[in-house]
Protein backbone atom coordinates (compact mmCIF):
# COMPACT_ATOMS: atom_id res chain seq x y z
CA UNK A 1 -64.03 -113.50 123.91
CA UNK A 2 -60.92 -115.67 123.76
CA UNK A 3 -62.03 -117.13 120.48
CA UNK A 4 -62.22 -113.67 118.92
CA UNK A 5 -58.71 -112.90 120.18
CA UNK A 6 -57.49 -116.15 118.53
CA UNK A 7 -59.26 -115.11 115.36
CA UNK A 8 -57.64 -111.62 115.42
CA UNK A 9 -54.24 -113.34 115.85
CA UNK A 10 -55.02 -115.66 112.90
CA UNK A 11 -54.86 -118.75 115.14
CA UNK A 12 -57.61 -120.36 113.18
CA UNK A 13 -57.61 -123.81 114.70
CA UNK A 14 -57.79 -122.50 118.26
CA UNK A 15 -60.54 -120.04 117.30
CA UNK A 16 -62.53 -122.71 115.51
CA UNK A 17 -62.26 -125.21 118.37
CA UNK A 18 -63.31 -122.69 120.92
CA UNK A 19 -66.19 -121.34 118.81
CA UNK A 20 -67.48 -124.95 118.39
CA UNK A 21 -67.44 -125.52 122.09
CA UNK A 22 -69.23 -122.21 122.77
CA UNK A 23 -71.90 -123.01 120.16
CA UNK A 24 -72.61 -126.41 121.64
CA UNK A 25 -72.93 -124.94 125.11
CA UNK A 26 -75.08 -122.06 123.96
CA UNK A 27 -77.40 -124.42 122.03
CA UNK A 28 -77.86 -126.58 125.12
CA UNK A 29 -78.32 -123.67 127.57
CA UNK A 30 -79.92 -120.97 125.56
CA UNK A 31 -81.39 -122.76 122.51
CA UNK A 32 -80.66 -122.63 118.81
CA UNK A 33 -82.68 -119.48 118.20
CA UNK A 34 -81.12 -117.33 120.91
CA UNK A 35 -79.19 -114.30 119.64
CA UNK A 36 -76.02 -115.19 121.45
CA UNK A 37 -76.05 -118.69 119.84
CA UNK A 38 -76.58 -117.12 116.45
CA UNK A 39 -73.79 -114.62 117.05
CA UNK A 40 -71.43 -117.47 117.92
CA UNK A 41 -72.35 -119.33 114.70
CA UNK A 42 -71.70 -116.10 112.74
CA UNK A 43 -68.30 -115.71 114.48
CA UNK A 44 -67.42 -119.28 113.50
CA UNK A 45 -68.49 -118.58 109.91
CA UNK A 46 -66.30 -115.47 109.84
CA UNK A 47 -63.32 -117.62 110.97
CA UNK A 48 -63.98 -119.93 108.00
CA UNK A 49 -64.20 -116.97 105.64
CA UNK A 50 -60.96 -115.38 106.87
CA UNK A 51 -59.18 -118.67 106.24
CA UNK A 52 -60.26 -118.59 102.59
């Protein structure tokens, strides 16, 4: 995904913003417990971890 590309390029703010948008959409469409939603949350968490 584009957010993962931003993450790999260390463009943390862009990655974070996009992950947050994706998470909100996935929650609304697929629900909080859907695997894709949870994966997106994990990706956001990894963005925060990489930033320190």
